[in-house]
Amino acid sequence: MTEQGQFVDFGAPAQFGAHIFRVEIPAARSAPVRIVEDYGYDGLEGGIPHAEERVILARAVWSAIADAARREFNDRLKAAKLPTSRWHVGCNRVDRLLGKELCVLAWTAETANAAQLPILASKWAALRPEERWWLFSMTVAEAGLPEDTQRGWRRALFYALSDGEKSPKSRTRRRPMEHDVYNLPLFQEHP
């Protein structure tokens, strides 16, 4: 059992030097929001920088997606019996896995128009966490910096989640596979 005082903001470890994400929300309402991956103690070793900016979002885009991320993250924090949080002006610390998921949402939304943003946020919320982690890994490998907008996987994320005009409210979560993939007929010996 963990103590709640060991975590701050959105599930980030309170101890110094942890690998986290920072969401920097300026006081000026017209200033952009920055999402930064902070490698903590691992930074500055083996060619890893101390921190890398992942995305810079226009304030209007951030305002349109922030609530979807807050709800999703707080549901997960509650399930893990950790304190919930809300976005505030200044530095918001986010657990590294949740930060990866937030980057996927931000990259998806960064070039969207106002009508597309609720659809993108809804489709992002319908993804499983592990799907979001995989999308982060694929995207950051070639296009994970702020200047990489409209390149590779960043561009693909937008198209994948903006396809269609309806939110997937009726979509149900996929059921786990009913078959063990190693026992499918493909892997059985033929007589």
C-alpha atoms as a PDB file:
ATOM      1  CA  MET A   1       0.000   0.000   0.000  1.00  0.00           C
ATOM      2  CA  THR A   2       1.360   3.401  -0.937  1.00  0.00           C
ATOM      3  CA  GLU A   3       0.926   6.546   1.042  1.00  0.00           C
ATOM      4  CA  GLN A   4      -0.916   9.331  -0.725  1.00  0.00           C
ATOM      5  CA  GLY A   5       1.711  11.900   0.307  1.00  0.00           C
ATOM      6  CA  GLN A   6       4.210  10.145  -1.957  1.00  0.00           C
ATOM      7  CA  PHE A   7       2.443  11.512  -5.054  1.00  0.00           C
ATOM      8  CA  VAL A   8       1.721  14.981  -6.388  1.00  0.00           C
ATOM      9  CA  ASP A   9      -0.547  16.378  -9.082  1.00  0.00           C
ATOM     10  CA  PHE A  10      -1.453  13.563 -11.513  1.00  0.00           C
ATOM     11  CA  GLY A  11       0.194  10.535  -9.904  1.00  0.00           C
ATOM     12  CA  ALA A  12       3.764  11.843 -10.181  1.00  0.00           C
ATOM     13  CA  PRO A  13       6.165  10.561  -7.522  1.00  0.00           C
ATOM     14  CA  ALA A  14       6.936  13.327  -5.027  1.00  0.00           C
ATOM     15  CA  GLN A  15      10.598  12.380  -4.654  1.00  0.00           C
ATOM     16  CA  PHE A  16      13.185  14.427  -6.490  1.00  0.00           C
ATOM     17  CA  GLY A  17      14.703  12.867  -9.592  1.00  0.00           C
ATOM     18  CA  ALA A  18      11.760  10.777 -10.804  1.00  0.00           C
ATOM     19  CA  HIS A  19      11.050  10.422 -14.525  1.00  0.00           C
ATOM     20  CA  ILE A  20       7.873  12.483 -15.024  1.00  0.00           C
ATOM     21  CA  PHE A  21       6.146  14.806 -17.456  1.00  0.00           C
ATOM     22  CA  ARG A  22       5.531  18.465 -16.699  1.00  0.00           C
ATOM     23  CA  VAL A  23       2.574  20.381 -18.071  1.00  0.00           C
ATOM     24  CA  GLU A  24       3.508  24.037 -17.862  1.00  0.00           C
ATOM     25  CA  ILE A  25       0.424  26.253 -17.903  1.00  0.00           C
ATOM     26  CA  PRO A  26       1.280  29.972 -17.918  1.00  0.00           C
ATOM     27  CA  ALA A  27      -0.845  32.572 -16.136  1.00  0.00           C
ATOM     28  CA  ALA A  28      -1.366  34.552 -19.349  1.00  0.00           C
ATOM     29  CA  ARG A  29      -4.480  33.113 -21.003  1.00  0.00           C
ATOM     30  CA  SER A  30      -3.088  33.633 -24.494  1.00  0.00           C
ATOM     31  CA  ALA A  31       0.290  31.961 -23.826  1.00  0.00           C
ATOM     32  CA  PRO A  32       0.814  28.391 -25.068  1.00  0.00           C
ATOM     33  CA  VAL A  33       0.917  25.314 -22.833  1.00  0.00           C
ATOM     34  CA  ARG A  34       4.081  23.213 -22.902  1.00  0.00           C
ATOM     35  CA  ILE A  35       4.377  19.512 -22.200  1.00  0.00           C
ATOM     36  CA  VAL A  36       7.895  18.499 -21.201  1.00  0.00           C
ATOM     37  CA  GLU A  37       9.314  15.049 -20.525  1.00  0.00           C
ATOM     38  CA  ASP A  38      11.647  15.323 -17.520  1.00  0.00           C
ATOM     39  CA  TYR A  39      13.980  12.317 -17.266  1.00  0.00           C
ATOM     40  CA  GLY A  40      14.957  13.068 -13.671  1.00  0.00           C
ATOM     41  CA  TYR A  41      18.111  11.309 -12.487  1.00  0.00           C
ATOM     42  CA  ASP A  42      18.357   9.385 -15.756  1.00  0.00           C
ATOM     43  CA  GLY A  43      18.806  12.643 -17.627  1.00  0.00           C
ATOM     44  CA  LEU A  44      22.263  13.765 -18.718  1.00  0.00           C
ATOM     45  CA  GLU A  45      23.539  10.184 -18.751  1.00  0.00           C
ATOM     46  CA  GLY A  46      24.155   8.002 -21.772  1.00  0.00           C
ATOM     47  CA  GLY A  47      23.174  10.719 -24.209  1.00  0.00           C
ATOM     48  CA  ILE A  48      19.774  11.331 -22.602  1.00  0.00           C
ATOM     49  CA  PRO A  49      18.957  15.023 -22.118  1.00  0.00           C
ATOM     50  CA  HIS A  50      17.720  16.252 -18.737  1.00  0.00           C
ATOM     51  CA  ALA A  51      14.356  17.185 -20.273  1.00  0.00           C
ATOM     52  CA  GLU A  52      12.762  17.366 -23.710  1.00  0.00           C
ATOM     53  CA  GLU A  53       9.853  19.486 -24.800  1.00  0.00           C
ATOM     54  CA  ARG A  54       7.344  17.213 -26.470  1.00  0.00           C
ATOM     55  CA  VAL A  55       4.629  19.605 -27.633  1.00  0.00           C
ATOM     56  CA  ILE A  56       3.607  23.239 -27.461  1.00  0.00           C
ATOM     57  CA  LEU A  57      -0.162  23.734 -27.639  1.00  0.00           C
ATOM     58  CA  ALA A  58      -2.148  26.869 -28.330  1.00  0.00           C
ATOM     59  CA  ARG A  59      -4.146  27.736 -25.217  1.00  0.00           C
ATOM     60  CA  ALA A  60      -7.483  27.204 -27.011  1.00  0.00           C
ATOM     61  CA  VAL A  61      -6.447  23.664 -27.992  1.00  0.00           C
ATOM     62  CA  TRP A  62      -5.296  22.896 -24.450  1.00  0.00           C
ATOM     63  CA  SER A  63      -8.561  24.225 -23.022  1.00  0.00           C
ATOM     64  CA  ALA A  64     -10.523  21.942 -25.359  1.00  0.00           C
ATOM     65  CA  ILE A  65      -8.672  18.727 -24.389  1.00  0.00           C
ATOM     66  CA  ALA A  66      -7.666  19.333 -20.760  1.00  0.00           C
ATOM     67  CA  ASP A  67     -10.922  18.164 -19.231  1.00  0.00           C
ATOM     68  CA  ALA A  68     -10.918  14.860 -21.132  1.00  0.00           C
ATOM     69  CA  ALA A  69      -7.383  14.148 -19.903  1.00  0.00           C
ATOM     70  CA  ARG A  70      -8.234  15.178 -16.329  1.00  0.00           C
ATOM     71  CA  ARG A  71     -11.280  12.878 -16.218  1.00  0.00           C
ATOM     72  CA  GLU A  72      -9.398   9.912 -17.686  1.00  0.00           C
ATOM     73  CA  PHE A  73      -6.400  10.347 -15.385  1.00  0.00           C
ATOM     74  CA  ASN A  74      -8.503  10.893 -12.257  1.00  0.00           C
ATOM     75  CA  ASP A  75     -10.531   7.753 -12.964  1.00  0.00           C
ATOM     76  CA  ARG A  76      -7.304   5.770 -13.170  1.00  0.00           C
ATOM     77  CA  LEU A  77      -5.843   7.410 -10.067  1.00  0.00           C
ATOM     78  CA  LYS A  78      -9.015   6.620  -8.105  1.00  0.00           C
ATOM     79  CA  ALA A  79      -8.820   2.996  -9.226  1.00  0.00           C
ATOM     80  CA  ALA A  80      -5.225   2.881  -7.930  1.00  0.00           C
ATOM     81  CA  LYS A  81      -6.333   4.510  -4.647  1.00  0.00           C
ATOM     82  CA  LEU A  82      -4.205   7.606  -5.303  1.00  0.00           C
ATOM     83  CA  PRO A  83      -5.287  11.222  -4.851  1.00  0.00           C
ATOM     84  CA  THR A  84      -6.940  12.911  -7.820  1.00  0.00           C
ATOM     85  CA  SER A  85      -5.966  16.309  -9.160  1.00  0.00           C
ATOM     86  CA  ARG A  86      -6.896  19.174 -11.442  1.00  0.00           C
ATOM     87  CA  TRP A  87      -4.925  21.337 -13.866  1.00  0.00           C
ATOM     88  CA  HIS A  88      -3.610  24.581 -12.387  1.00  0.00           C
ATOM     89  CA  VAL A  89      -1.521  27.516 -13.538  1.00  0.00           C
ATOM     90  CA  GLY A  90       2.167  26.716 -13.170  1.00  0.00           C
ATOM     91  CA  CYS A  91       3.916  23.370 -13.299  1.00  0.00           C
ATOM     92  CA  ASN A  92       1.663  20.298 -13.189  1.00  0.00           C
ATOM     93  CA  ARG A  93       3.590  17.082 -12.632  1.00  0.00           C
ATOM     94  CA  VAL A  94       2.252  13.957 -14.336  1.00  0.00           C
ATOM     95  CA  ASP A  95       3.204  10.298 -13.924  1.00  0.00           C
ATOM     96  CA  ARG A  96       5.445   9.210 -16.799  1.00  0.00           C
ATOM     97  CA  LEU A  97       2.928   6.737 -18.271  1.00  0.00           C
ATOM     98  CA  LEU A  98       0.062   9.215 -18.011  1.00  0.00           C
ATOM     99  CA  GLY A  99       2.366  11.820 -19.545  1.00  0.00           C
ATOM    100  CA  LYS A 100       2.943   9.585 -22.551  1.00  0.00           C
ATOM    101  CA  GLU A 101      -0.803   9.263 -22.968  1.00  0.00           C
ATOM    102  CA  LEU A 102      -1.243  13.015 -22.666  1.00  0.00           C
ATOM    103  CA  CYS A 103       1.330  13.565 -25.408  1.00  0.00           C
ATOM    104  CA  VAL A 104      -0.661  11.315 -27.734  1.00  0.00           C
ATOM    105  CA  LEU A 105      -3.768  13.414 -27.094  1.00  0.00           C
ATOM    106  CA  ALA A 106      -1.853  16.683 -27.522  1.00  0.00           C
ATOM    107  CA  TRP A 107      -0.150  15.550 -30.737  1.00  0.00           C
ATOM    108  CA  THR A 108      -3.507  14.449 -32.092  1.00  0.00           C
ATOM    109  CA  ALA A 109      -5.134  17.779 -31.256  1.00  0.00           C
ATOM    110  CA  GLU A 110      -2.363  20.257 -32.070  1.00  0.00           C
ATOM    111  CA  THR A 111      -3.534  20.982 -35.641  1.00  0.00           C
ATOM    112  CA  ALA A 112      -7.255  20.279 -35.212  1.00  0.00           C
ATOM    113  CA  ASN A 113      -9.996  22.842 -35.584  1.00  0.00           C
ATOM    114  CA  ALA A 114     -12.493  23.585 -32.821  1.00  0.00           C
ATOM    115  CA  ALA A 115     -15.128  21.219 -34.243  1.00  0.00           C
ATOM    116  CA  GLN A 116     -12.685  18.289 -34.386  1.00  0.00           C
ATOM    117  CA  LEU A 117     -11.306  18.629 -30.841  1.00  0.00           C
ATOM    118  CA  PRO A 118     -14.211  16.995 -28.936  1.00  0.00           C
ATOM    119  CA  ILE A 119     -14.209  14.073 -31.388  1.00  0.00           C
ATOM    120  CA  LEU A 120     -10.443  13.608 -31.058  1.00  0.00           C
ATOM    121  CA  ALA A 121     -10.641  13.710 -27.256  1.00  0.00           C
ATOM    122  CA  SER A 122     -13.475  11.185 -27.235  1.00  0.00           C
ATOM    123  CA  LYS A 123     -11.666   8.798 -29.569  1.00  0.00           C
ATOM    124  CA  TRP A 124      -8.467   9.163 -27.513  1.00  0.00           C
ATOM    125  CA  ALA A 125     -10.430   8.291 -24.361  1.00  0.00           C
ATOM    126  CA  ALA A 126     -11.738   5.138 -26.072  1.00  0.00           C
ATOM    127  CA  LEU A 127      -8.173   3.827 -26.522  1.00  0.00           C
ATOM    128  CA  ARG A 128      -6.669   1.534 -23.919  1.00  0.00           C
ATOM    129  CA  PRO A 129      -3.680   2.884 -21.955  1.00  0.00           C
ATOM    130  CA  GLU A 130      -1.320   0.352 -23.541  1.00  0.00           C
ATOM    131  CA  GLU A 131      -2.479   1.444 -26.999  1.00  0.00           C
ATOM    132  CA  ARG A 132      -1.632   5.024 -26.095  1.00  0.00           C
ATOM    133  CA  TRP A 133       1.813   3.978 -24.772  1.00  0.00           C
ATOM    134  CA  TRP A 134       2.539   2.172 -28.024  1.00  0.00           C
ATOM    135  CA  LEU A 135       1.430   5.198 -30.063  1.00  0.00           C
ATOM    136  CA  PHE A 136       3.715   7.399 -27.939  1.00  0.00           C
ATOM    137  CA  SER A 137       6.680   5.102 -28.555  1.00  0.00           C
ATOM    138  CA  MET A 138       6.097   5.006 -32.289  1.00  0.00           C
ATOM    139  CA  THR A 139       5.622   8.754 -32.530  1.00  0.00           C
ATOM    140  CA  VAL A 140       8.485   9.880 -30.312  1.00  0.00           C
ATOM    141  CA  ALA A 141      10.941   7.719 -32.246  1.00  0.00           C
ATOM    142  CA  GLU A 142      10.734   9.985 -35.279  1.00  0.00           C
ATOM    143  CA  ALA A 143       8.591  13.002 -34.489  1.00  0.00           C
ATOM    144  CA  GLY A 144       8.553  13.672 -30.747  1.00  0.00           C
ATOM    145  CA  LEU A 145       9.679  17.300 -30.583  1.00  0.00           C
ATOM    146  CA  PRO A 146       7.574  20.476 -30.910  1.00  0.00           C
ATOM    147  CA  GLU A 147       8.949  21.281 -34.359  1.00  0.00           C
ATOM    148  CA  ASP A 148       7.891  17.854 -35.689  1.00  0.00           C
ATOM    149  CA  THR A 149       4.231  18.806 -36.189  1.00  0.00           C
ATOM    150  CA  GLN A 150       2.795  17.255 -39.359  1.00  0.00           C
ATOM    151  CA  ARG A 151       5.547  14.615 -39.647  1.00  0.00           C
ATOM    152  CA  GLY A 152       5.239  10.847 -39.606  1.00  0.00           C
ATOM    153  CA  TRP A 153       3.253   9.390 -36.751  1.00  0.00           C
ATOM    154  CA  ARG A 154       2.254  12.861 -35.522  1.00  0.00           C
ATOM    155  CA  ARG A 155       0.336  13.370 -38.727  1.00  0.00           C
ATOM    156  CA  ALA A 156      -0.996   9.808 -38.649  1.00  0.00           C
ATOM    157  CA  LEU A 157      -2.385  10.260 -35.122  1.00  0.00           C
ATOM    158  CA  PHE A 158      -4.513  13.163 -36.268  1.00  0.00           C
ATOM    159  CA  TYR A 159      -5.883  11.257 -39.249  1.00  0.00           C
ATOM    160  CA  ALA A 160      -6.496   8.090 -37.260  1.00  0.00           C
ATOM    161  CA  LEU A 161      -8.499   9.807 -34.531  1.00  0.00           C
ATOM    162  CA  SER A 162     -10.232  12.475 -36.613  1.00  0.00           C
ATOM    163  CA  ASP A 163     -11.665  10.024 -39.127  1.00  0.00           C
ATOM    164  CA  GLY A 164     -15.433  10.328 -39.102  1.00  0.00           C
ATOM    165  CA  GLU A 165     -17.698  12.969 -37.704  1.00  0.00           C
ATOM    166  CA  LYS A 166     -19.127  11.222 -34.662  1.00  0.00           C
ATOM    167  CA  SER A 167     -17.730  10.493 -31.249  1.00  0.00           C
ATOM    168  CA  PRO A 168     -17.437   6.777 -30.481  1.00  0.00           C
ATOM    169  CA  LYS A 169     -19.971   6.928 -27.608  1.00  0.00           C
ATOM    170  CA  SER A 170     -21.609   3.726 -28.760  1.00  0.00           C
ATOM    171  CA  ARG A 171     -18.275   1.962 -29.119  1.00  0.00           C
ATOM    172  CA  THR A 172     -17.733  -0.701 -26.536  1.00  0.00           C
ATOM    173  CA  ARG A 173     -14.341  -1.773 -25.349  1.00  0.00           C
ATOM    174  CA  ARG A 174     -12.993  -4.722 -27.238  1.00  0.00           C
ATOM    175  CA  ARG A 175     -13.205  -7.987 -25.422  1.00  0.00           C
ATOM    176  CA  PRO A 176     -10.026  -9.906 -24.699  1.00  0.00           C
ATOM    177  CA  MET A 177      -9.121 -12.547 -27.230  1.00  0.00           C
ATOM    178  CA  GLU A 178     -11.106 -15.706 -26.700  1.00  0.00           C
ATOM    179  CA  HIS A 179      -8.337 -17.883 -28.104  1.00  0.00           C
ATOM    180  CA  ASP A 180      -4.806 -18.381 -26.999  1.00  0.00           C
ATOM    181  CA  VAL A 181      -2.834 -17.113 -29.999  1.00  0.00           C
ATOM    182  CA  TYR A 182      -0.296 -19.920 -29.633  1.00  0.00           C
ATOM    183  CA  ASN A 183      -3.002 -22.567 -29.930  1.00  0.00           C
ATOM    184  CA  LEU A 184      -4.598 -21.339 -33.135  1.00  0.00           C
ATOM    185  CA  PRO A 185      -4.731 -23.819 -36.031  1.00  0.00           C
ATOM    186  CA  LEU A 186      -1.811 -22.012 -37.640  1.00  0.00           C
ATOM    187  CA  PHE A 187       0.538 -23.349 -34.954  1.00  0.00           C
ATOM    188  CA  GLN A 188      -0.815 -26.858 -34.734  1.00  0.00           C
ATOM    189  CA  GLU A 189       0.791 -29.761 -36.525  1.00  0.00           C
ATOM    190  CA  HIS A 190      -1.144 -31.079 -39.462  1.00  0.00           C
ATOM    191  CA  PRO A 191      -1.688 -34.880 -39.791  1.00  0.00           C
END
